[in-house]
Protein backbone atom coordinates (compact mmCIF):
# COMPACT_ATOMS: atom_id res chain seq x y z
CA MET A 1 5.87 -31.03 54.09
CA PRO A 2 5.08 -34.05 55.69
CA VAL A 3 1.79 -35.64 54.44
CA SER A 4 -1.38 -36.84 56.49
CA ALA A 5 -1.94 -40.31 56.70
CA ALA A 6 -5.64 -38.90 55.63
CA ALA A 7 -4.25 -37.16 52.66
CA ARG A 8 -1.91 -40.31 51.84
CA ARG A 9 -5.29 -42.30 51.16
CA ARG A 10 -6.85 -40.29 49.47
CA LEU A 11 -3.64 -40.05 47.52
CA ILE A 12 -3.62 -43.65 46.62
CA ARG A 13 -7.52 -43.99 45.97
CA LEU A 14 -6.73 -41.31 43.59
CA THR A 15 -4.41 -43.58 42.05
CA GLN A 16 -7.23 -45.91 40.81
CA ALA A 17 -9.25 -43.68 39.69
CA LEU A 18 -6.82 -42.02 37.48
CA VAL A 19 -5.85 -45.38 35.89
CA GLY A 20 -9.39 -46.74 36.04
CA GLY A 21 -11.09 -43.84 34.90
CA PRO A 22 -10.09 -43.93 30.94
CA VAL A 23 -11.67 -47.69 30.53
CA VAL A 24 -14.74 -46.57 31.79
CA VAL A 25 -15.11 -43.80 28.98
CA PHE A 26 -12.80 -45.59 26.67
CA GLY A 27 -12.39 -48.93 27.18
CA GLY A 28 -8.95 -48.92 26.11
CA LEU A 29 -6.93 -50.24 28.94
CA ALA A 30 -9.65 -53.52 28.68
CA LEU A 31 -8.65 -54.04 25.53
CA TRP A 32 -4.62 -53.80 26.07
CA THR A 33 -4.95 -56.13 29.26
CA ARG A 34 -7.82 -58.66 27.94
CA LYS A 35 -5.15 -61.58 28.05
CA CYS A 36 -5.38 -61.13 32.11
CA ALA A 37 -7.85 -62.80 34.05
CA PHE A 38 -9.73 -63.04 37.29
CA GLU A 39 -9.94 -66.26 38.58
CA PRO A 40 -11.58 -67.89 41.80
CA PHE A 41 -9.68 -66.98 45.15
CA GLY A 42 -10.61 -66.98 48.49
CA PRO A 43 -10.29 -68.41 52.21
CA ASP A 44 -11.77 -72.34 50.81
CA THR A 45 -8.92 -72.04 47.65
CA ASP A 46 -6.12 -70.13 48.71
CA PRO A 47 -3.74 -70.90 51.69
CA LEU A 48 -2.42 -67.31 51.49
CA PHE A 49 -6.12 -66.66 53.55
CA LYS A 50 -4.20 -68.74 56.54
CA HIS A 51 -0.89 -67.02 56.25
CA PRO A 52 0.02 -66.14 59.87
CA VAL A 53 0.98 -62.44 58.72
CA LEU A 54 -2.65 -62.20 57.72
CA LYS A 55 -3.85 -63.55 61.19
CA GLN A 56 -1.69 -60.25 62.36
CA LEU A 57 -2.78 -57.61 60.41
CA ASN A 58 -6.98 -58.85 60.44
CA PRO A 59 -6.91 -61.31 63.98
CA GLN A 60 -10.70 -61.38 64.00
CA SER A 61 -10.67 -61.96 60.29
CA LEU A 62 -13.16 -59.28 59.13
CA PRO A 63 -14.69 -59.02 55.50
CA SER A 64 -12.38 -58.41 52.60
CA THR A 65 -11.81 -58.12 49.15
CA HIS A 66 -9.85 -59.95 47.49
CA ASP A 67 -9.17 -61.55 43.40
CA SER A 68 -6.42 -63.40 42.26
CA CYS A 69 -5.41 -62.11 38.58
CA VAL A 70 -3.89 -64.17 36.40
CA ARG A 71 -2.06 -63.99 33.32
CA LYS A 72 -0.50 -66.58 31.03
CA VAL A 73 2.35 -67.34 28.67
CA PRO A 74 3.25 -69.68 26.52
CA PHE A 75 7.22 -70.32 27.47
CA GLY A 76 8.14 -69.98 23.88
CA GLN A 77 7.23 -66.14 24.52
CA LEU A 78 9.19 -66.38 28.00
CA ARG A 79 12.93 -65.00 27.94
CA PRO A 80 14.34 -68.05 27.83
CA GLU A 81 17.52 -67.11 30.50
CA LEU A 82 14.03 -66.93 32.80
CA LEU A 83 12.92 -69.84 31.55
CA GLU A 84 15.65 -71.81 31.85
CA ASP A 85 16.58 -70.09 35.23
CA ALA A 86 13.20 -70.89 36.85
CA ARG A 87 13.51 -74.59 35.94
CA ARG A 88 16.51 -74.82 38.31
CA GLY A 89 14.77 -73.61 41.25
CA GLY A 90 15.80 -70.25 40.55
CA SER A 91 13.92 -67.10 41.90
CA ALA A 92 15.00 -64.73 38.27
CA LEU A 93 10.89 -65.18 36.75
CA VAL A 94 9.38 -63.73 39.82
CA GLN A 95 11.36 -61.51 40.55
CA GLU A 96 11.56 -59.80 37.18
CA PHE A 97 7.78 -60.02 37.13
CA SER A 98 7.62 -57.49 40.51
CA ARG A 99 10.22 -55.67 38.81
CA GLY A 100 8.04 -54.95 35.90
CA MET A 101 4.97 -54.45 38.29
CA TRP A 102 6.90 -51.59 40.17
CA GLY A 103 9.41 -50.35 37.58
CA GLY A 104 7.14 -50.12 34.75
CA TYR A 105 4.41 -48.27 33.38
CA GLY A 106 1.29 -50.01 35.06
CA TYR A 107 2.92 -48.44 38.51
CA ARG A 108 3.60 -45.07 37.18
CA ILE A 109 0.89 -42.90 37.89
CA GLN A 110 0.92 -44.35 42.00
CA ARG A 111 4.88 -43.80 42.11
CA ARG A 112 4.32 -40.19 41.42
CA ILE A 113 1.66 -39.87 43.27
CA MET A 114 3.86 -41.20 46.55
CA GLU A 115 6.37 -39.21 45.73
CA PHE A 116 4.33 -36.33 47.65
CA THR A 117 4.86 -38.59 50.38
CA LYS A 118 8.64 -38.67 50.61
CA GLY A 119 10.96 -37.21 53.41
CA PRO A 120 14.49 -37.75 55.52
CA GLU A 121 12.24 -40.77 57.34
CA ASN A 122 11.85 -43.14 54.26
CA ALA A 123 14.76 -41.59 51.44
CA SER A 124 16.26 -45.21 51.86
CA ASP A 125 13.01 -46.44 50.32
CA VAL A 126 13.33 -47.94 47.08
CA TRP A 127 11.48 -44.87 44.92
CA THR A 128 12.83 -44.73 41.11
CA PRO A 129 12.21 -46.69 38.25
CA GLU A 130 15.56 -47.09 37.88
CA GLU A 131 15.88 -48.66 41.33
CA LEU A 132 12.96 -50.61 41.02
CA GLY A 133 14.14 -52.46 38.11
CA ARG A 134 16.93 -53.71 39.61
CA ASP A 135 15.57 -54.49 43.11
CA THR A 136 15.83 -58.06 43.94
CA PHE A 137 13.05 -57.60 46.70
CA GLU A 138 14.88 -59.06 49.83
CA PRO A 139 12.59 -58.98 53.06
CA GLY A 140 12.13 -55.81 54.97
CA THR A 141 12.67 -53.81 51.55
CA VAL A 142 10.09 -50.71 51.51
CA LEU A 143 8.66 -49.35 47.81
CA THR A 144 8.17 -46.19 47.85
CA ASN A 145 6.65 -45.89 51.44
CA HIS A 146 3.77 -47.57 51.32
CA PHE A 147 5.27 -51.11 50.17
CA LEU A 148 6.59 -54.17 52.24
CA VAL A 149 8.33 -56.95 51.04
CA LEU A 150 7.71 -59.69 53.73
CA GLU A 151 8.93 -62.95 52.23
CA LYS A 152 10.61 -64.20 49.51
CA SER A 153 11.05 -67.41 47.51
CA PRO A 154 11.92 -68.95 43.98
CA THR A 155 8.34 -68.64 43.10
CA GLU A 156 6.16 -65.73 45.18
CA LEU A 157 7.41 -62.51 46.87
CA LEU A 158 4.65 -61.35 49.60
CA PHE A 159 3.89 -58.20 50.37
CA ARG A 160 2.18 -55.86 53.20
CA GLY A 161 0.67 -52.94 51.29
CA CYS A 162 -0.08 -49.87 54.23
CA LEU A 163 0.43 -46.19 55.35
CA SER A 164 2.88 -46.90 57.41
CA PRO A 165 5.15 -49.79 56.19
CA LYS A 166 8.41 -49.84 58.83
CA GLU A 167 6.04 -49.98 61.81
CA THR A 168 7.16 -52.22 64.10
CA PRO A 169 5.01 -54.36 65.89
CA PHE A 170 2.70 -54.41 63.05
CA ARG A 171 -1.35 -52.11 63.86
CA LEU A 172 -5.06 -53.09 62.37
CA ARG A 173 -5.44 -50.53 60.26
CA ASP A 174 -8.67 -49.54 58.57
CA LEU A 175 -7.31 -50.10 55.53
CA ASP A 176 -4.48 -52.92 54.70
CA ASN A 177 -3.42 -54.69 52.15
CA PHE A 178 -2.11 -58.17 52.26
CA PHE A 179 -0.48 -60.03 48.64
CA ALA A 180 1.37 -61.80 46.44
CA LEU A 181 3.01 -61.71 43.57
CA ASN A 182 3.37 -65.56 41.99
CA ALA A 183 5.36 -66.55 38.76
CA GLU A 184 5.62 -70.43 38.65
CA LEU A 185 6.05 -73.01 35.21
CA ASN A 186 3.34 -75.23 34.00
CA GLU A 187 5.01 -77.77 32.26
CA GLU A 188 2.08 -80.13 31.59
CA ARG A 189 0.56 -77.06 29.59
CA GLN A 190 4.24 -75.30 28.61
CA GLU A 191 2.73 -72.43 29.57
CA ALA A 192 4.09 -69.89 32.67
CA GLU A 193 1.60 -68.59 35.20
CA PHE A 194 1.67 -64.76 36.10
CA ARG A 195 -0.59 -63.90 39.31
CA LEU A 196 -1.31 -61.00 41.77
CA LYS A 197 -3.10 -61.71 44.30
CA ALA A 198 -4.83 -59.26 46.39
CA ILE A 199 -6.67 -59.29 49.74
CA SER A 200 -7.69 -56.17 51.14
CA PHE A 201 -9.33 -55.04 54.39
CA ASP A 202 -10.41 -53.13 57.02
CA ALA A 203 -9.38 -54.46 60.44
CA VAL A 204 -10.47 -51.51 62.57
CA THR A 205 -14.08 -50.80 62.02
CA THR A 206 -16.36 -52.71 64.52
CA THR A 207 -19.04 -52.80 61.75
CA PRO A 208 -17.43 -53.35 58.25
CA LYS A 209 -18.72 -53.07 55.05
CA GLU A 210 -19.18 -56.72 53.39
CA ASP A 211 -17.11 -56.03 50.40
CA PRO A 212 -14.66 -52.74 51.83
CA LEU A 213 -13.59 -52.31 47.87
CA GLY A 214 -17.31 -52.88 46.50
CA GLY A 215 -19.16 -50.96 43.93
CA VAL A 216 -17.17 -48.69 41.39
CA PRO A 217 -13.81 -48.49 44.17
CA GLY A 218 -13.48 -52.51 43.79
CA MET A 219 -14.16 -52.08 39.77
CA LEU A 220 -11.22 -49.32 39.47
CA HIS A 221 -9.06 -51.59 41.96
CA ARG A 222 -9.50 -54.85 39.33
CA VAL A 223 -8.81 -52.54 36.29
CA TYR A 224 -5.97 -51.75 38.00
CA ALA A 225 -4.62 -55.10 39.45
CA LYS A 226 -4.78 -56.26 35.54
CA LEU A 227 -2.80 -53.33 34.26
CA LEU A 228 -0.06 -53.78 36.66
CA VAL A 229 0.04 -57.39 35.93
CA GLU A 230 -0.17 -57.06 32.30
CA ALA A 231 2.98 -54.23 32.73
CA ALA A 232 4.82 -56.75 34.25
CA VAL A 233 4.71 -59.61 32.50
CA GLY A 234 6.20 -57.34 29.20
CA TRP A 235 9.33 -57.46 31.45
CA CYS A 236 9.14 -61.30 31.20
CA VAL A 237 8.75 -61.84 27.58
CA ARG A 238 11.01 -61.68 24.85
């Protein structure tokens, strides 16, 4: 049975509550993800805010909730083949980071929730953990009826997350997400730096909130971001 847009929105928000709730009560995930941190990230510090696709999705530059979660890993802990490929300018490191994010334990709850929206019209999406864990994330790929791959480079994958990712042309939405997965080498520090940069916004409401995901929803969003990054990095280390 088709799932309405409102129901899908509730399902996605439920994911954050299901993942973040235990942290509020027990603090277990906070300990598990303690090596992940949030860094300064905003229109004055990152060119992602000037990307032409974001201008299409949020043409009035209405307020957003935005953050950048980073996890740094010493070269000695990386899988050698990923380090070697990254040094040659390949995309294997960011690709494996993405595979770990969508195919790993961090996305498990949301992936299962999104299966309620699966139907003939989106059966060609990438759905199962096995498929997500071997995908190459070429532009135009849709993950679990929610995430559209927009661009791919040797160090970055760009996505849109929304209720109808296959729509053409894009239309403005009251809950939209524009984000990047980034994996780069810092040769000076001898570390790989993995990032999830997320920009969430309401491009429709005429009197939008200054922080669309403020308060408890914002806290749960950040908990979830750290879990996704930690799970994804786990696929890239020895």
